[in-house]
Amino acid sequence: MKRFLTIATSLLMAGGLVLSNSVISYAAPKVDPYNTVQAELMFESSGVETARGISGQVYVKGIDAGDYFKVKDVDFNKGVGSMTVQVRTTAPAVFEVRKGSVDGEKLATFRVSDTQGEFRSFTALMSGVDEGKNVIYFVGKYGTFDFDYWSCAEKKEMPPIPVTDPEPEPTPDPEHIVEPVESDMALEYQINSWGTGYTVNFKVKNEGAAVDTWTLKLAKSDVVIDSSWCVNIASEGDYYVITPMSWNSQLGTGASADFGIMGSGSIGTTVDYTFE
């Protein structure tokens, strides 16, 4: 039977995080959300428990609809644009991040696809966080999932673009017109829609020389991204800016990288995109 746990900071920095079912009173340190935060760092929870994996890592196990855990003194001193989580499921699941209480303001929604029992990264845009210390709740809404760790990316403000009077373009010599160079990156995608939501699985393929990284833009008019896996997501004007994780950024000739998104609402049959 699941138990209600009240856990006040149990940290062993050198040896990892250790939890106790007893109430322990310590002065709580600030939680740095811009570095990896283990999910078992919780100050209050309901319906969840921790487990240890084969490799020795501790994670939060079996979060169901209505279950939650709380993390306090999360210091968002740089603002926040997105959150990335490492979770695993055997079926789709949904959970929310809320501020102040289980029913508080919603900061982010994660719609997680079936990870086939493997821990995978998902990213969701995040808004409504107060600068400085916050209390946040991770609340299960649908399905069951295990939670390993999370981190946040600070909000990036785009610098203003200086306005200058354009110089007149010279008329090109018809014999020396330069054709535009097409990108050597190709994109394949498969849309799976159920009317009120959808997933899109993407494959980025390098058809040219080896690259150290890549950047893809998806039109917001075609997709609404609630969560993602295996990529970083940022917002820029009318586009989502997709960049790879550290482990799938380098692509040799003919190599590819797979990632996916989950969104709400309806979706068409095509997605407008550009590579940079």
Protein backbone atom coordinates (compact mmCIF):
# COMPACT_ATOMS: atom_id res chain seq x y z
CA MET A 1 0.00 0.00 0.00
CA LYS A 2 1.33 3.42 -0.86
CA ARG A 3 2.10 5.74 2.03
CA PHE A 4 2.08 9.47 2.64
CA LEU A 5 5.65 10.53 3.19
CA THR A 6 6.88 13.76 4.71
CA ILE A 7 10.57 14.07 4.02
CA ALA A 8 12.59 17.10 5.07
CA THR A 9 15.92 17.20 3.23
CA SER A 10 18.06 14.08 3.45
CA LEU A 11 21.17 14.80 1.44
CA LEU A 12 24.50 13.04 1.28
CA MET A 13 26.30 14.93 -1.47
CA ALA A 14 29.26 12.59 -1.76
CA GLY A 15 27.42 9.31 -1.67
CA GLY A 16 24.18 10.34 -3.36
CA LEU A 17 20.75 11.04 -1.96
CA VAL A 18 19.35 8.80 0.78
CA LEU A 19 15.74 8.98 1.87
CA SER A 20 14.18 8.08 5.17
CA ASN A 21 10.56 7.49 6.07
CA SER A 22 11.14 9.41 9.30
CA VAL A 23 10.72 13.14 9.63
CA ILE A 24 14.18 14.71 9.70
CA SER A 25 14.66 18.37 10.55
CA TYR A 26 17.54 20.15 8.85
CA ALA A 27 17.94 23.62 7.42
CA ALA A 28 16.97 23.09 3.80
CA PRO A 29 19.55 24.21 1.23
CA LYS A 30 18.57 26.03 -1.92
CA VAL A 31 17.89 23.72 -4.83
CA ASP A 32 19.76 24.70 -8.00
CA PRO A 33 17.39 23.88 -10.90
CA TYR A 34 20.00 24.67 -13.57
CA ASN A 35 21.96 21.54 -12.66
CA THR A 36 20.66 17.98 -12.44
CA VAL A 37 18.27 17.50 -9.51
CA GLN A 38 17.53 13.94 -8.45
CA ALA A 39 13.79 13.30 -8.29
CA GLU A 40 14.15 11.63 -4.90
CA LEU A 41 15.03 15.05 -3.46
CA MET A 42 11.50 15.68 -2.20
CA PHE A 43 10.19 17.43 0.88
CA GLU A 44 6.71 15.99 0.87
CA SER A 45 4.99 13.33 -1.20
CA SER A 46 1.87 11.25 -1.53
CA GLY A 47 1.48 7.86 -3.19
CA VAL A 48 5.10 7.46 -4.28
CA GLU A 49 8.13 5.55 -3.12
CA THR A 50 11.75 5.25 -4.10
CA ALA A 51 13.59 2.30 -5.60
CA ARG A 52 17.15 1.47 -6.60
CA GLY A 53 17.99 0.39 -10.13
CA ILE A 54 20.42 -2.30 -11.26
CA SER A 55 23.15 0.29 -11.75
CA GLY A 56 22.57 1.65 -8.25
CA GLN A 57 20.71 4.86 -9.09
CA VAL A 58 17.80 5.84 -6.85
CA TYR A 59 14.60 6.99 -8.54
CA VAL A 60 10.96 7.73 -7.71
CA LYS A 61 8.86 4.71 -8.60
CA GLY A 62 5.30 4.25 -9.78
CA ILE A 63 3.85 7.77 -9.97
CA ASP A 64 0.16 7.38 -10.80
CA ALA A 65 -2.68 9.83 -11.42
CA GLY A 66 -3.20 11.86 -8.23
CA ASP A 67 0.25 11.09 -6.82
CA TYR A 68 2.64 13.96 -6.25
CA PHE A 69 5.89 15.08 -4.71
CA LYS A 70 7.01 18.52 -3.61
CA VAL A 71 10.36 20.30 -3.92
CA LYS A 72 10.87 23.55 -2.05
CA ASP A 73 13.46 26.35 -2.09
CA VAL A 74 13.98 25.91 -5.85
CA ASP A 75 15.99 29.02 -6.70
CA PHE A 76 15.05 30.29 -10.17
CA ASN A 77 17.41 33.25 -9.97
CA LYS A 78 18.05 33.19 -13.73
CA GLY A 79 14.45 32.77 -14.82
CA VAL A 80 13.41 29.63 -16.65
CA GLY A 81 12.41 28.78 -20.21
CA SER A 82 12.08 25.00 -20.16
CA MET A 83 12.39 21.89 -17.99
CA THR A 84 13.91 18.56 -18.99
CA VAL A 85 13.04 15.35 -17.14
CA GLN A 86 14.36 11.80 -17.26
CA VAL A 87 11.46 9.35 -16.93
CA ARG A 88 10.38 5.92 -18.08
CA THR A 89 7.02 4.34 -18.86
CA THR A 90 5.51 1.33 -20.52
CA ALA A 91 2.53 3.34 -21.82
CA PRO A 92 1.74 7.03 -22.40
CA ALA A 93 1.58 9.17 -19.27
CA VAL A 94 0.88 12.79 -18.38
CA PHE A 95 2.10 14.83 -15.43
CA GLU A 96 2.18 18.51 -14.53
CA VAL A 97 4.52 20.86 -12.70
CA ARG A 98 2.62 23.28 -10.44
CA LYS A 99 3.60 26.19 -8.24
CA GLY A 100 2.90 26.40 -4.51
CA SER A 101 0.46 23.50 -4.18
CA VAL A 102 -0.97 20.46 -5.93
CA ASP A 103 -3.70 22.69 -7.39
CA GLY A 104 -1.49 25.75 -7.85
CA GLU A 105 -0.65 27.57 -11.06
CA LYS A 106 0.41 25.18 -13.80
CA LEU A 107 4.00 25.79 -14.90
CA ALA A 108 4.48 22.97 -17.42
CA THR A 109 2.77 19.87 -18.78
CA PHE A 110 4.62 16.72 -19.82
CA ARG A 111 2.89 14.26 -22.15
CA VAL A 112 5.21 11.29 -22.15
CA SER A 113 5.18 8.62 -24.84
CA ASP A 114 5.86 4.94 -24.19
CA THR A 115 9.60 4.65 -23.50
CA GLN A 116 9.45 0.84 -23.54
CA GLY A 117 10.79 0.65 -20.00
CA GLU A 118 13.90 2.75 -20.65
CA PHE A 119 14.66 6.11 -19.03
CA ARG A 120 14.45 8.87 -21.65
CA SER A 121 14.60 12.65 -21.66
CA PHE A 122 11.53 14.84 -22.30
CA THR A 123 11.48 18.63 -22.44
CA ALA A 124 8.56 21.03 -21.96
CA LEU A 125 8.35 24.81 -22.11
CA MET A 126 7.87 26.38 -18.69
CA SER A 127 6.26 29.69 -17.71
CA GLY A 128 4.81 31.42 -14.64
CA VAL A 129 7.82 30.81 -12.36
CA ASP A 130 8.66 33.60 -9.92
CA GLU A 131 12.27 34.73 -9.98
CA GLY A 132 13.92 33.54 -6.77
CA LYS A 133 12.85 30.68 -4.52
CA ASN A 134 9.79 28.63 -5.48
CA VAL A 135 7.93 25.61 -4.18
CA ILE A 136 7.03 23.28 -7.03
CA TYR A 137 4.93 20.13 -7.21
CA PHE A 138 5.21 17.27 -9.70
CA VAL A 139 1.67 15.91 -10.06
CA GLY A 140 0.66 12.71 -11.87
CA LYS A 141 -2.40 13.16 -14.12
CA TYR A 142 -2.60 10.04 -16.28
CA GLY A 143 -0.80 6.71 -16.57
CA THR A 144 2.14 5.48 -14.51
CA PHE A 145 5.80 6.47 -14.76
CA ASP A 146 9.12 6.35 -12.93
CA PHE A 147 11.10 9.57 -12.43
CA ASP A 148 14.91 9.75 -12.24
CA TYR A 149 15.94 13.43 -12.38
CA TRP A 150 15.12 16.88 -13.74
CA SER A 151 16.77 20.19 -14.63
CA CYS A 152 15.80 23.56 -16.08
CA ALA A 153 17.22 25.86 -18.74
CA GLU A 154 17.26 29.58 -18.09
CA LYS A 155 15.13 31.79 -20.27
CA LYS A 156 17.08 33.24 -23.17
CA GLU A 157 16.10 36.69 -24.32
CA MET A 158 16.74 37.39 -27.98
CA PRO A 159 18.90 40.53 -28.44
CA PRO A 160 17.25 43.38 -30.37
CA ILE A 161 18.02 43.40 -34.06
CA PRO A 162 19.46 46.74 -35.16
CA VAL A 163 17.48 48.48 -37.91
CA THR A 164 19.54 49.86 -40.76
CA ASP A 165 18.65 51.20 -44.16
CA PRO A 166 19.21 48.40 -46.66
CA GLU A 167 21.72 48.99 -49.39
CA PRO A 168 20.42 48.58 -52.93
CA GLU A 169 21.17 45.15 -54.30
CA PRO A 170 23.21 45.10 -57.51
CA THR A 171 21.64 43.55 -60.57
CA PRO A 172 23.36 40.18 -61.05
CA ASP A 173 25.08 39.31 -64.29
CA PRO A 174 22.77 36.70 -65.89
CA GLU A 175 25.81 34.59 -66.72
CA HIS A 176 26.93 34.51 -63.05
CA ILE A 177 23.75 33.99 -61.07
CA VAL A 178 24.51 31.98 -57.92
CA GLU A 179 21.94 29.31 -57.19
CA PRO A 180 20.92 29.00 -53.49
CA VAL A 181 22.72 26.22 -51.64
CA GLU A 182 20.38 23.62 -50.21
CA SER A 183 20.99 22.15 -46.78
CA ASP A 184 22.64 18.75 -46.60
CA MET A 185 20.31 17.86 -43.72
CA ALA A 186 17.10 15.99 -44.47
CA LEU A 187 14.07 15.47 -42.24
CA GLU A 188 11.60 12.61 -42.12
CA TYR A 189 8.62 12.56 -39.77
CA GLN A 190 5.63 10.42 -38.86
CA ILE A 191 2.50 11.94 -37.33
CA ASN A 192 0.27 9.94 -34.95
CA SER A 193 -2.89 11.90 -34.09
CA TRP A 194 -5.90 10.93 -31.97
CA GLY A 195 -7.94 14.13 -32.39
CA THR A 196 -7.18 15.88 -29.08
CA GLY A 197 -3.43 15.31 -29.18
CA TYR A 198 -0.62 13.84 -31.19
CA THR A 199 2.95 12.65 -31.29
CA VAL A 200 5.40 13.26 -34.11
CA ASN A 201 8.51 11.11 -34.52
CA PHE A 202 11.32 12.82 -36.43
CA LYS A 203 14.51 11.56 -38.05
CA VAL A 204 17.24 14.08 -38.91
CA LYS A 205 19.61 12.66 -41.52
CA ASN A 206 22.92 14.11 -42.63
CA GLU A 207 23.37 13.68 -46.38
CA GLY A 208 26.54 15.77 -46.55
CA ALA A 209 29.85 16.14 -44.73
CA ALA A 210 30.10 15.32 -41.02
CA VAL A 211 28.71 17.99 -38.67
CA ASP A 212 29.27 18.71 -34.99
CA THR A 213 25.74 19.96 -34.37
CA TRP A 214 22.48 20.89 -36.11
CA THR A 215 19.54 23.25 -35.62
CA LEU A 216 16.00 22.72 -36.86
CA LYS A 217 13.07 25.15 -36.80
CA LEU A 218 9.42 23.99 -36.72
CA ALA A 219 6.57 26.39 -37.49
CA LYS A 220 4.28 27.09 -34.50
CA SER A 221 1.40 27.37 -36.96
CA ASP A 222 1.72 23.63 -37.61
CA VAL A 223 2.56 22.18 -34.17
CA VAL A 224 2.11 22.97 -30.49
CA ILE A 225 4.90 21.32 -28.50
CA ASP A 226 3.96 20.30 -24.96
CA SER A 227 6.85 17.89 -24.41
CA SER A 228 9.69 16.29 -26.31
CA TRP A 229 12.41 13.69 -26.05
CA CYS A 230 16.06 13.52 -27.12
CA VAL A 231 16.27 17.24 -28.04
CA ASN A 232 16.26 20.73 -26.51
CA ILE A 233 13.34 23.05 -27.31
CA ALA A 234 13.42 26.86 -27.38
CA SER A 235 10.94 29.43 -28.70
CA GLU A 236 11.84 32.09 -31.25
CA GLY A 237 9.09 34.17 -32.86
CA ASP A 238 6.87 31.98 -35.03
CA TYR A 239 9.12 28.93 -34.68
CA TYR A 240 10.28 26.36 -32.18
CA VAL A 241 14.06 26.01 -32.29
CA ILE A 242 15.16 22.37 -31.97
CA THR A 243 18.76 21.57 -31.01
CA PRO A 244 20.29 18.18 -30.15
CA MET A 245 21.44 16.81 -26.83
CA SER A 246 25.18 16.41 -26.28
CA TRP A 247 25.11 12.75 -27.27
CA ASN A 248 23.23 13.10 -30.60
CA SER A 249 24.67 16.35 -31.92
CA GLN A 250 27.48 14.93 -34.06
CA LEU A 251 26.34 13.32 -37.31
CA GLY A 252 28.69 11.72 -39.78
CA THR A 253 27.84 11.37 -43.45
CA GLY A 254 24.69 9.24 -43.72
CA ALA A 255 24.14 9.24 -39.93
CA SER A 256 20.81 10.18 -38.36
CA ALA A 257 19.31 11.28 -35.05
CA ASP A 258 15.80 10.45 -33.86
CA PHE A 259 13.64 12.60 -31.60
CA GLY A 260 9.97 13.22 -30.97
CA ILE A 261 7.39 15.68 -29.71
CA MET A 262 3.98 15.41 -28.10
CA GLY A 263 1.34 18.11 -28.54
CA SER A 264 -2.26 18.93 -27.76
CA GLY A 265 -5.12 19.73 -30.11
CA SER A 266 -5.28 18.80 -33.76
CA ILE A 267 -2.52 18.63 -36.36
CA GLY A 268 -2.42 18.63 -40.14
CA THR A 269 -0.59 16.25 -42.42
CA THR A 270 2.56 18.34 -42.93
CA VAL A 271 4.93 20.35 -40.72
CA ASP A 272 6.81 23.38 -42.08
CA TYR A 273 10.49 23.28 -41.14
CA THR A 274 13.89 24.77 -41.96
CA PHE A 275 17.45 23.80 -41.06
CA GLU A 276 19.97 26.41 -40.00
